[in-house]
Structures are given as structure tokens and as C-alpha cells.
Protein backbone atom coordinates (compact mmCIF):
# COMPACT_ATOMS: atom_id res chain seq x y z
CA MET A 1 -80.87 -41.06 28.22
CA LYS A 2 -78.98 -37.94 29.30
CA LEU A 3 -75.35 -37.03 28.74
CA TRP A 4 -75.49 -35.89 32.35
CA GLY A 5 -77.45 -36.86 35.46
CA GLY A 6 -75.16 -38.35 38.10
CA ARG A 7 -75.18 -35.18 40.16
CA PHE A 8 -78.98 -35.05 40.39
CA GLU A 9 -81.27 -36.86 42.80
CA LYS A 10 -84.44 -36.13 40.84
CA LYS A 11 -85.20 -36.39 37.16
CA PRO A 12 -86.20 -33.19 35.32
CA SER A 13 -89.91 -32.55 35.07
CA LYS A 14 -91.68 -33.17 31.78
CA ALA A 15 -92.29 -29.44 31.45
CA ALA A 16 -88.57 -28.69 31.95
CA GLU A 17 -87.57 -31.38 29.45
CA LYS A 18 -89.93 -30.00 26.83
CA PHE A 19 -88.82 -26.42 27.40
CA THR A 20 -85.08 -27.19 27.25
CA SER A 21 -85.19 -29.70 24.39
CA SER A 22 -83.62 -28.71 21.07
CA ILE A 23 -83.99 -32.02 19.21
CA PHE A 24 -86.97 -30.59 17.31
CA PHE A 25 -84.70 -28.27 15.34
CA ASP A 26 -81.05 -29.27 15.87
CA TYR A 27 -81.67 -32.69 14.27
CA ARG A 28 -80.78 -30.88 11.03
CA LEU A 29 -77.17 -30.96 12.19
CA ALA A 30 -77.08 -34.78 12.40
CA GLU A 31 -74.73 -35.25 9.45
CA TYR A 32 -72.21 -32.76 10.77
CA ASP A 33 -72.50 -34.12 14.31
CA VAL A 34 -71.65 -37.61 13.05
CA LEU A 35 -68.76 -36.43 10.87
CA GLY A 36 -67.33 -34.43 13.77
CA SER A 37 -67.65 -37.44 16.05
CA ILE A 38 -65.86 -39.70 13.56
CA ALA A 39 -62.87 -37.35 13.44
CA HIS A 40 -62.91 -36.94 17.23
CA VAL A 41 -63.07 -40.69 17.95
CA LYS A 42 -60.32 -41.44 15.43
CA MET A 43 -58.16 -38.93 17.28
CA LEU A 44 -58.98 -40.54 20.65
CA GLY A 45 -57.75 -43.86 19.29
CA LYS A 46 -54.66 -42.37 17.67
CA GLN A 47 -53.72 -40.63 20.90
CA LYS A 48 -54.39 -43.82 22.90
CA ILE A 49 -56.89 -41.96 25.06
CA ILE A 50 -59.24 -44.86 24.38
CA PRO A 51 -58.26 -48.33 23.06
CA LYS A 52 -58.03 -48.50 19.26
CA THR A 53 -60.47 -51.41 19.27
CA ASP A 54 -63.06 -49.21 20.94
CA SER A 55 -62.31 -46.39 18.55
CA ALA A 56 -62.82 -48.70 15.58
CA LYS A 57 -66.16 -50.00 16.92
CA ILE A 58 -67.45 -46.50 17.55
CA VAL A 59 -66.38 -45.24 14.12
CA LYS A 60 -68.07 -48.22 12.45
CA ALA A 61 -71.27 -47.45 14.32
CA LEU A 62 -71.04 -43.76 13.41
CA TRP A 63 -70.71 -44.64 9.72
CA ARG A 64 -73.92 -46.67 9.99
CA VAL A 65 -75.69 -43.72 11.59
CA LEU A 66 -74.38 -41.44 8.86
CA ALA A 67 -75.69 -43.79 6.17
CA ALA A 68 -79.14 -43.59 7.78
CA VAL A 69 -78.94 -39.78 7.83
CA LYS A 70 -77.95 -39.53 4.17
CA SER A 71 -80.56 -42.03 3.02
CA GLY A 72 -83.32 -40.15 4.81
CA LYS A 73 -84.03 -43.06 7.13
CA PHE A 74 -82.81 -41.20 10.22
CA VAL A 75 -85.80 -40.18 12.30
CA PRO A 76 -84.88 -38.06 15.33
CA ASP A 77 -85.76 -39.55 18.69
CA THR A 78 -87.73 -36.77 20.36
CA SER A 79 -87.28 -38.40 23.76
CA CYS A 80 -83.64 -37.23 23.54
CA GLU A 81 -82.96 -33.64 24.52
CA ASP A 82 -80.71 -32.88 21.56
CA ILE A 83 -79.10 -34.37 18.47
CA HIS A 84 -75.87 -35.16 20.35
CA THR A 85 -77.74 -37.34 22.85
CA ASP A 86 -79.69 -39.03 20.10
CA ILE A 87 -76.58 -39.98 18.12
CA GLU A 88 -74.68 -41.18 21.18
CA LYS A 89 -77.66 -43.36 22.13
CA ARG A 90 -77.64 -44.96 18.68
CA VAL A 91 -73.87 -45.49 18.76
CA ILE A 92 -74.04 -47.22 22.16
CA LYS A 93 -76.79 -49.48 20.84
CA LEU A 94 -74.66 -50.40 17.81
CA SER A 95 -71.23 -50.65 19.45
CA GLY A 96 -72.09 -51.69 22.99
CA LYS A 97 -70.00 -50.55 25.94
CA SER A 98 -67.40 -49.03 23.61
CA GLY A 99 -69.89 -46.33 22.63
CA LYS A 100 -69.79 -44.88 26.12
CA LYS A 101 -66.24 -43.70 25.41
CA MET A 102 -67.30 -41.58 22.43
CA HIS A 103 -67.81 -38.41 24.46
CA THR A 104 -64.37 -38.51 26.08
CA ALA A 105 -62.52 -35.15 25.96
CA ARG A 106 -65.51 -33.36 24.51
CA SER A 107 -68.44 -31.22 25.67
CA ARG A 108 -71.67 -30.44 23.93
CA ASN A 109 -70.47 -26.83 24.06
CA ASP A 110 -67.61 -27.37 21.61
CA GLN A 111 -69.58 -30.07 19.79
CA ILE A 112 -72.44 -27.77 18.80
CA ALA A 113 -69.99 -25.02 17.92
CA LEU A 114 -68.34 -27.47 15.50
CA ASP A 115 -71.63 -28.70 14.04
CA GLU A 116 -72.78 -25.16 13.31
CA ARG A 117 -69.54 -24.21 11.61
CA MET A 118 -69.61 -27.29 9.41
CA TYR A 119 -73.24 -26.62 8.52
CA MET A 120 -72.48 -22.99 7.73
CA ARG A 121 -69.58 -23.90 5.43
CA SER A 122 -71.98 -25.97 3.35
CA GLU A 123 -74.68 -23.29 3.37
CA ILE A 124 -72.25 -20.56 2.31
CA ASN A 125 -71.15 -22.67 -0.64
CA ASP A 126 -74.79 -23.23 -1.67
CA ILE A 127 -75.66 -19.54 -1.27
CA THR A 128 -72.67 -18.31 -3.28
CA ALA A 129 -73.61 -20.79 -6.03
CA GLY A 130 -77.16 -19.37 -5.97
CA LEU A 131 -75.84 -15.83 -6.23
CA LYS A 132 -73.64 -16.77 -9.18
CA GLY A 133 -76.66 -18.34 -10.86
CA LEU A 134 -78.70 -15.17 -10.42
CA ILE A 135 -75.85 -13.03 -11.75
CA SER A 136 -75.69 -15.22 -14.85
CA VAL A 137 -79.39 -14.52 -15.44
CA PHE A 138 -78.73 -10.77 -15.46
CA VAL A 139 -75.81 -11.25 -17.85
CA LYS A 140 -78.10 -13.24 -20.17
CA LEU A 141 -80.83 -10.59 -19.92
CA ALA A 142 -78.31 -7.91 -20.87
CA LYS A 143 -77.38 -9.85 -24.01
CA GLU A 144 -81.01 -10.54 -24.91
CA ASN A 145 -81.90 -6.85 -24.54
CA SER A 146 -78.85 -5.43 -26.26
CA GLY A 147 -79.43 -1.90 -27.52
CA LEU A 148 -82.41 -1.29 -25.25
CA VAL A 149 -82.39 2.07 -23.48
CA LEU A 150 -84.31 2.58 -20.23
CA PRO A 151 -85.29 5.71 -18.36
CA GLY A 152 -82.97 6.00 -15.40
CA PHE A 153 -84.67 7.20 -12.23
CA THR A 154 -83.75 9.39 -9.29
CA HIS A 155 -86.43 10.30 -6.73
CA MET A 156 -88.71 8.02 -8.82
CA GLN A 157 -88.62 10.64 -11.60
CA HIS A 158 -87.12 10.20 -15.05
CA ALA A 159 -83.51 11.35 -14.76
CA GLN A 160 -81.25 10.23 -17.63
CA PRO A 161 -81.43 7.47 -20.21
CA VAL A 162 -79.38 4.38 -19.31
CA LYS A 163 -78.45 1.31 -21.28
CA PHE A 164 -80.24 -1.87 -20.25
CA SER A 165 -76.84 -3.45 -19.69
CA ALA A 166 -76.09 -0.76 -17.09
CA TRP A 167 -79.35 -1.52 -15.27
CA ALA A 168 -78.71 -5.27 -15.31
CA GLY A 169 -75.09 -4.66 -14.36
CA ALA A 170 -76.15 -2.72 -11.27
CA TYR A 171 -77.92 -5.78 -9.86
CA ALA A 172 -75.06 -8.03 -10.91
CA ALA A 173 -72.74 -5.72 -8.96
CA MET A 174 -74.97 -5.93 -5.87
CA PHE A 175 -75.02 -9.72 -5.91
CA SER A 176 -71.28 -9.85 -6.61
CA ARG A 177 -70.69 -7.90 -3.41
CA ASP A 178 -72.92 -10.39 -1.62
CA ILE A 179 -70.64 -13.18 -2.81
CA GLU A 180 -67.62 -11.27 -1.50
CA ARG A 181 -69.31 -10.85 1.89
CA PHE A 182 -70.12 -14.55 2.21
CA LYS A 183 -66.63 -15.55 1.11
CA ASP A 184 -65.20 -13.26 3.76
CA CYS A 185 -67.61 -14.72 6.33
CA PHE A 186 -66.40 -18.21 5.34
CA LYS A 187 -62.90 -17.34 6.60
CA ARG A 188 -64.21 -16.74 10.11
CA VAL A 189 -66.53 -19.75 9.99
CA ASN A 190 -63.73 -22.04 8.86
CA VAL A 191 -61.91 -22.53 12.18
CA MET A 192 -62.25 -25.64 14.34
CA PRO A 193 -63.61 -25.24 17.91
CA LEU A 194 -63.50 -28.90 19.00
CA GLY A 195 -61.12 -29.57 21.88
CA ALA A 196 -62.24 -26.51 23.81
CA CYS A 197 -64.61 -28.85 25.69
CA ALA A 198 -66.93 -26.95 28.05
CA LEU A 199 -64.71 -23.85 28.07
CA ALA A 200 -61.24 -24.67 29.48
CA GLY A 201 -59.96 -27.43 27.22
CA THR A 202 -58.90 -30.80 28.64
CA SER A 203 -55.94 -32.30 30.46
CA LEU A 204 -56.15 -35.38 28.21
CA PRO A 205 -53.51 -35.46 25.42
CA ILE A 206 -55.83 -34.64 22.48
CA ASP A 207 -54.58 -33.57 19.04
CA ARG A 208 -56.73 -30.67 17.85
CA ASN A 209 -54.71 -30.15 14.68
CA TYR A 210 -55.35 -33.75 13.65
CA VAL A 211 -59.11 -33.30 14.09
CA ALA A 212 -59.02 -29.99 12.22
CA LYS A 213 -57.22 -31.62 9.29
CA GLN A 214 -59.70 -34.52 9.23
CA LEU A 215 -62.59 -32.08 8.96
CA GLY A 216 -61.01 -29.71 6.45
CA PHE A 217 -60.36 -26.82 8.83
CA PRO A 218 -57.09 -24.88 8.40
CA SER A 219 -56.64 -24.58 12.16
CA PRO A 220 -58.36 -24.79 15.56
CA VAL A 221 -59.80 -21.80 17.41
CA LYS A 222 -56.98 -20.50 19.62
CA ASN A 223 -58.91 -19.40 22.70
CA THR A 224 -61.07 -22.09 24.28
CA LEU A 225 -63.50 -19.70 26.00
CA ASP A 226 -64.04 -17.91 22.71
CA ALA A 227 -64.39 -21.21 20.86
CA VAL A 228 -67.55 -22.21 22.76
CA SER A 229 -69.07 -18.75 23.28
CA ASP A 230 -68.43 -17.12 19.89
CA ARG A 231 -71.43 -16.65 17.63
CA ASP A 232 -70.05 -13.69 15.70
CA HIS A 233 -69.94 -15.84 12.57
CA VAL A 234 -73.65 -16.64 12.98
CA VAL A 235 -74.45 -12.94 13.32
CA GLU A 236 -72.32 -12.20 10.27
CA PHE A 237 -73.94 -14.97 8.21
CA ILE A 238 -77.45 -13.73 9.01
CA SER A 239 -76.38 -10.14 8.38
CA ASP A 240 -75.03 -11.12 4.96
CA SER A 241 -78.30 -12.93 4.28
CA ALA A 242 -80.23 -9.78 5.24
CA VAL A 243 -78.19 -7.74 2.75
CA VAL A 244 -78.98 -10.28 0.00
CA PHE A 245 -82.66 -9.86 0.82
CA MET A 246 -82.32 -6.08 0.76
CA HIS A 247 -81.00 -6.38 -2.80
CA LEU A 248 -83.70 -8.87 -3.79
CA SER A 249 -86.35 -6.62 -2.28
CA ARG A 250 -85.12 -3.63 -4.28
CA LEU A 251 -85.30 -5.71 -7.44
CA ALA A 252 -88.75 -6.97 -6.46
CA GLU A 253 -90.01 -3.44 -5.90
CA GLU A 254 -88.93 -2.39 -9.39
CA MET A 255 -90.49 -5.46 -10.96
CA VAL A 256 -93.79 -4.89 -9.17
CA ILE A 257 -93.88 -1.25 -10.30
CA TRP A 258 -92.73 -2.02 -13.84
CA SER A 259 -95.41 -4.70 -14.24
CA THR A 260 -98.27 -2.26 -13.52
CA LYS A 261 -100.57 -0.94 -16.24
CA GLU A 262 -99.17 2.54 -15.61
CA PHE A 263 -95.64 1.38 -16.52
CA LYS A 264 -96.06 -1.77 -18.64
CA TYR A 265 -92.29 -2.11 -18.96
CA ILE A 266 -92.30 -5.84 -18.29
CA GLU A 267 -94.40 -8.96 -18.59
CA ILE A 268 -93.96 -11.53 -15.83
CA PRO A 269 -94.37 -15.17 -16.99
CA ASP A 270 -97.75 -16.70 -16.25
CA GLU A 271 -96.14 -19.61 -14.42
CA TYR A 272 -94.67 -17.17 -11.89
CA SER A 273 -97.83 -15.09 -11.45
CA THR A 274 -101.14 -15.61 -9.66
CA GLY A 275 -104.73 -14.51 -10.12
CA SER A 276 -107.51 -13.20 -7.94
CA SER A 277 -110.29 -15.22 -6.32
CA ILE A 278 -112.80 -12.50 -7.25
CA MET A 279 -111.33 -10.38 -10.09
CA PRO A 280 -110.97 -12.49 -13.26
CA GLN A 281 -108.69 -10.00 -15.02
CA LYS A 282 -105.95 -9.93 -12.39
CA LYS A 283 -102.38 -11.10 -12.91
CA ASN A 284 -100.50 -10.52 -9.69
CA PRO A 285 -96.69 -10.39 -9.18
CA ASP A 286 -96.85 -12.55 -6.06
CA ILE A 287 -93.31 -13.92 -6.36
CA PHE A 288 -91.83 -10.45 -6.19
CA GLU A 289 -94.21 -9.37 -3.46
CA LEU A 290 -93.19 -12.38 -1.35
CA LEU A 291 -89.52 -11.62 -1.94
CA ARG A 292 -90.20 -8.20 -0.43
CA GLY A 293 -92.22 -9.71 2.39
CA LYS A 294 -89.74 -12.45 3.33
CA THR A 295 -87.10 -9.76 3.74
CA GLY A 296 -88.75 -8.86 7.03
CA ARG A 297 -88.32 -12.40 8.29
CA VAL A 298 -84.57 -12.36 7.76
CA TYR A 299 -84.28 -8.89 9.27
CA GLY A 300 -86.09 -10.40 12.25
CA ASN A 301 -83.56 -13.25 12.38
CA LEU A 302 -80.75 -10.71 12.54
CA THR A 303 -82.43 -8.78 15.34
CA GLY A 304 -83.09 -12.07 17.12
CA ILE A 305 -79.50 -13.32 17.13
CA LEU A 306 -78.14 -9.90 18.12
CA THR A 307 -80.59 -9.76 21.01
CA ILE A 308 -79.61 -13.26 22.16
CA MET A 309 -75.92 -12.42 22.24
CA LYS A 310 -75.96 -8.86 23.50
CA GLY A 311 -75.81 -9.56 27.24
CA LEU A 312 -74.15 -12.95 27.59
CA PRO A 313 -71.18 -13.32 29.94
CA LEU A 314 -68.43 -15.82 29.09
CA ALA A 315 -68.57 -18.59 28.25
CA TYR A 316 -71.42 -20.82 26.98
CA ASN A 317 -75.00 -20.03 28.04
CA SER A 318 -78.16 -21.91 27.09
CA ASP A 319 -79.52 -18.75 25.45
CA MET A 320 -77.29 -19.74 22.53
CA GLN A 321 -79.47 -22.77 21.88
CA GLU A 322 -81.88 -20.36 20.19
CA ASP A 323 -79.27 -19.22 17.65
CA LYS A 324 -80.01 -22.18 15.40
CA ILE A 325 -83.63 -21.16 14.87
CA HIS A 326 -82.49 -17.84 13.39
CA LEU A 327 -79.57 -19.41 11.51
CA PHE A 328 -81.68 -22.12 9.87
CA SER A 329 -84.47 -19.70 9.04
CA ALA A 330 -82.14 -17.22 7.33
CA ALA A 331 -80.24 -19.91 5.42
CA ASP A 332 -83.40 -21.57 4.15
CA ALA A 333 -84.97 -18.27 3.16
CA VAL A 334 -82.02 -16.91 1.22
CA LYS A 335 -81.41 -20.15 -0.71
CA GLU A 336 -85.09 -20.44 -1.66
CA ALA A 337 -85.29 -16.76 -2.62
CA LEU A 338 -82.22 -16.89 -4.86
CA GLU A 339 -83.54 -19.94 -6.65
CA ILE A 340 -86.99 -18.50 -7.37
CA ALA A 341 -85.59 -15.05 -8.25
CA ALA A 342 -83.33 -16.61 -10.90
CA LEU A 343 -86.23 -18.61 -12.36
CA VAL A 344 -88.67 -15.72 -12.61
CA MET A 345 -86.13 -13.15 -13.84
CA ALA A 346 -85.03 -15.52 -16.60
CA GLY A 347 -88.59 -15.38 -17.94
CA VAL A 348 -89.32 -11.65 -17.58
CA LYS A 349 -89.90 -9.94 -20.94
CA PHE A 350 -89.09 -6.26 -21.41
CA SER A 351 -91.32 -4.25 -23.75
CA ARG A 352 -89.12 -2.11 -25.99
CA GLU A 353 -92.18 -0.35 -27.42
CA ASN A 354 -93.66 0.64 -24.05
CA ILE A 355 -90.30 1.69 -22.65
CA ARG A 356 -89.59 3.80 -25.72
CA TYR A 357 -93.03 5.41 -25.43
CA ALA A 358 -92.44 6.16 -21.74
CA MET A 359 -89.33 8.10 -22.68
CA LYS A 360 -91.07 10.22 -25.31
CA ASN A 361 -90.80 13.89 -24.32
CA ASP A 362 -89.60 12.99 -20.82
CA PHE A 363 -86.65 15.44 -21.12
CA SER A 364 -84.26 12.82 -19.75
CA ASP A 365 -81.73 14.05 -22.31
CA ALA A 366 -81.64 17.49 -20.66
CA VAL A 367 -78.22 16.80 -19.13
CA GLU A 368 -76.84 16.04 -22.59
CA ALA A 369 -78.41 19.27 -23.85
CA ALA A 370 -76.62 21.17 -21.06
CA ASN A 371 -73.35 19.37 -21.83
CA TYR A 372 -73.81 20.33 -25.50
CA LEU A 373 -73.88 24.00 -24.52
CA VAL A 374 -70.83 23.53 -22.27
CA LYS A 375 -68.94 22.19 -25.28
CA LYS A 376 -70.07 25.31 -27.14
CA GLY A 377 -68.42 27.51 -24.51
CA LEU A 378 -71.08 28.20 -21.87
CA ASP A 379 -70.43 27.71 -18.17
CA PHE A 380 -72.38 24.72 -16.85
CA LYS A 381 -74.46 26.92 -14.53
CA ASP A 382 -75.55 29.05 -17.46
CA ALA A 383 -76.11 26.01 -19.66
CA HIS A 384 -78.23 24.44 -16.92
CA ASN A 385 -80.35 27.62 -16.77
CA VAL A 386 -80.85 27.74 -20.53
CA VAL A 387 -81.94 24.13 -20.81
CA GLY A 388 -84.24 24.55 -17.80
CA LYS A 389 -86.01 27.38 -19.61
CA ILE A 390 -86.35 25.25 -22.75
CA VAL A 391 -87.86 22.43 -20.69
CA LEU A 392 -90.34 24.80 -19.02
CA HIS A 393 -91.39 26.15 -22.42
CA CYS A 394 -91.89 22.64 -23.80
CA ILE A 395 -93.96 21.58 -20.78
CA LYS A 396 -96.25 24.58 -21.23
CA GLU A 397 -96.63 23.87 -24.94
CA GLU A 398 -96.90 20.10 -24.37
CA ILE A 399 -94.10 19.35 -26.83
CA GLY A 400 -90.61 17.86 -26.74
CA PHE A 401 -87.13 19.13 -27.62
CA ASN A 402 -87.43 17.61 -31.09
CA ASP A 403 -90.61 19.58 -31.78
CA LEU A 404 -88.78 22.91 -31.51
CA SER A 405 -87.39 24.47 -34.68
CA LEU A 406 -83.82 25.70 -34.77
CA SER A 407 -85.01 29.30 -34.82
CA GLU A 408 -87.07 28.66 -31.70
CA LEU A 409 -84.09 27.07 -29.97
CA THR A 410 -81.76 29.95 -30.79
CA GLU A 411 -84.13 32.29 -28.97
CA PHE A 412 -82.87 30.59 -25.78
CA SER A 413 -79.20 30.56 -26.82
CA ASP A 414 -77.31 31.53 -29.96
CA LYS A 415 -74.89 28.68 -29.19
CA ILE A 416 -77.44 26.13 -30.39
CA GLY A 417 -76.93 24.84 -33.91
CA GLN A 418 -78.34 22.13 -36.15
CA ASP A 419 -76.12 19.55 -34.49
CA PHE A 420 -78.19 19.97 -31.29
CA TYR A 421 -80.76 17.48 -32.61
CA GLY A 422 -78.07 14.82 -32.90
CA ILE A 423 -77.55 14.59 -29.15
CA LEU A 424 -81.23 14.12 -28.31
CA ASN A 425 -82.84 10.84 -27.30
CA GLN A 426 -84.72 9.87 -30.45
């Protein structure tokens, strides 16, 4: 059964039906499609566009369909071209002739725009909850590793010592910004497109504000052409997801490096590691490697949706049917990644002994040594030069700052006193 067909003399070919069908992926929007239809049909009855008795029958049928969706008993009918057709077919079967009035004053163009926005509101709420959960893990790690000092890196070289809480706080800050981005995206998602119909609205006396209120939207989209052709919010959602993955991938990269024998800063829990089919000794950080790898998929989703939208004239075009593949893929990936990242990070153990050993004679306190001389009256440029010479001497002698006697230190600058040792990383 098609939502169209009267204008055609011939039925579409099987090949055309298969190529144009979206039921294989848009069935995921069934719940939102039903909820949107309930609000729409209630409005049709309220506005006396259709008889209230018909409205009541349709709504009752829609509630039965929704119950099937929520219970998991809803199996999409792949003979239908999309989820809208499938649901209308079920409603007509349940409510009889009344069901044929369900699509009054509505197009699939504004219908799918509504479904996507409702779906995205739910996904954003789930993703922000996942981000908050991951942030809480970093807060807990900071408390568990209180007092731990790490080597801070620039250019992958030891730079300056940093508190563990500063390291954990950096990732918490990244994920906090991700929450802000998704919350901002939610504002643009949370407008109601229904009532725009195909592109030009309808001459029937609909009440868009009533439908918006029923569905929890603050207001309808103002411009009807924009309502059906806008996918900016989808682009923004996938872009925000890509940024989350960028942050997760940076974390994953550090964890992979820090778990190596050369670093030995961390131990990844056995339950979140894998072995080798040939090398019995191996313990691989597969979770983190896959977090890095899945980043490429979401970057691909972003490129995909941008490419779809880049050349489309107003208003709706069937190219947009492909947006859901990228939207669903990104949403699924980011939710799954946040969940597993929180689980594995909660179990990561940091080796104080190995980290402390890695910082032995690494000269990461050289900046503090230079600042010490500044406080003693040297210009920073001169202080920088003095400390650089001390470092070079130590490297040649294979010793650290602490191994130098005060008399040796004063050969580089008479500003250095016994209190110099107090500012060094012990």
C-alpha cells in the first residue's frame, strides 16, 4: 500500500521499490512516528477537520500500535516503503475507514522531519547522561589518585610535572564542553516542523501550536520550506558526536601508550583487555584501540551528511532519506563508546612507582629552577640560559639536579643557594 499512486498508470518496478525503500532503517523511528500522529490526529479532531469520532478511533488504534512498538512485538512490514506507510496500514486495519483520514493536512516531508527531531531529543538526553557519567569517573579517579604527580608532556617529551587531578580535570573539561555543545544543539532540534506539509503548509485550519504543546516543543518552525528541508540540526548533532570521539580518541591514544612496557604507567583491567591467538604473553588494549578506530566511522558520518546536503535546492529532496543512516550510526556509536569508556576507565590502575621512576632525572622541574633564579633577581632569559647549561652538564654526566653539590651549582650562578634543592621534584 502506497501513500500515493492515483496519478500513476503503472506500478513501480521491484527494483525501483527496493532502491527507494527506507523501511529497513527508518523503522527505528516508529515510536516517534506514532506519538507525532497521535498529536496530529487529536488536533484534526479538535479543529473539526475530521469528525471527532474518527479522531478517537484513529488515536485508539495508534495507542495499540505504540504498545506493540514498546513491547518489542512490532515487526516492520518490509513490503511498505517506509515507516509512515507501515503505521498507516496498521491503523487502517485497526480503525477501518476512519484510518484513511489520519494523513489529512500532513506530508511525509514534515512527518519525517518531526520524527527525526523527536528521536534526536531523546538521543541528546542519553548522550549528555553518558558524558556526565564519564566525567564522574574522572572525578573519582582524581580522588583515588590524590597526591600523584605525573610528567606533563609537550611534543611527547617530558615538560613539567602536573598533578593527577589536573590531568583528569583536562578530560573532564573536554567532556563538559561536549555537554554544552549538545545542549546548545538541543535548542535547534527542539522546534516543531509538523504543519509545513510538503513545503507550503495547508489551507486547512490546523493548529500547529496545539500539536507543538502536545509533543513538548516550545514552538513550531516558522518557515515551512525550511521546516521540511532543514537538516542543519542533523549536521550539528553528528559534528558534536565527532568532537566527542576526537576527545575519546585522544584519551585512548594516551592509554594505549601508557599501557606499553616502555611506559608502564597504567594497568588495564583484564576484563577490558584481549590476548593474542599466537603470542601467549600478550595483553592488548583493544577497547582503547577500537575507540580510536570508531572515530573514523563518525568522521565519515559527518562527511556523508555534509555531502548529502551541500547541493540540494529547496525544499525536500529524496537525497535526505540517506541522512538517517549517518544520524543513527553516529548516535549509536557515541552512546556505546561513552558507556564502554566509563567502564574501562573506572578500572584502570595507575602505577605510582613506575610514574615516579619515569620522572627521575627527567629535568621536568627545569622551569621551576629558572623561576627560582628569577626570584633571586635574574632576568628570565638569563635564568633560562643558566638552567639550560646545568641540564646539559647533567646529561653529559648522567646525573640529575639533586646529584649536584651546592658548590657545583654555584659554578653556574652565584644566585643559587641551599634552598634550591627545596624546589626540585623529589
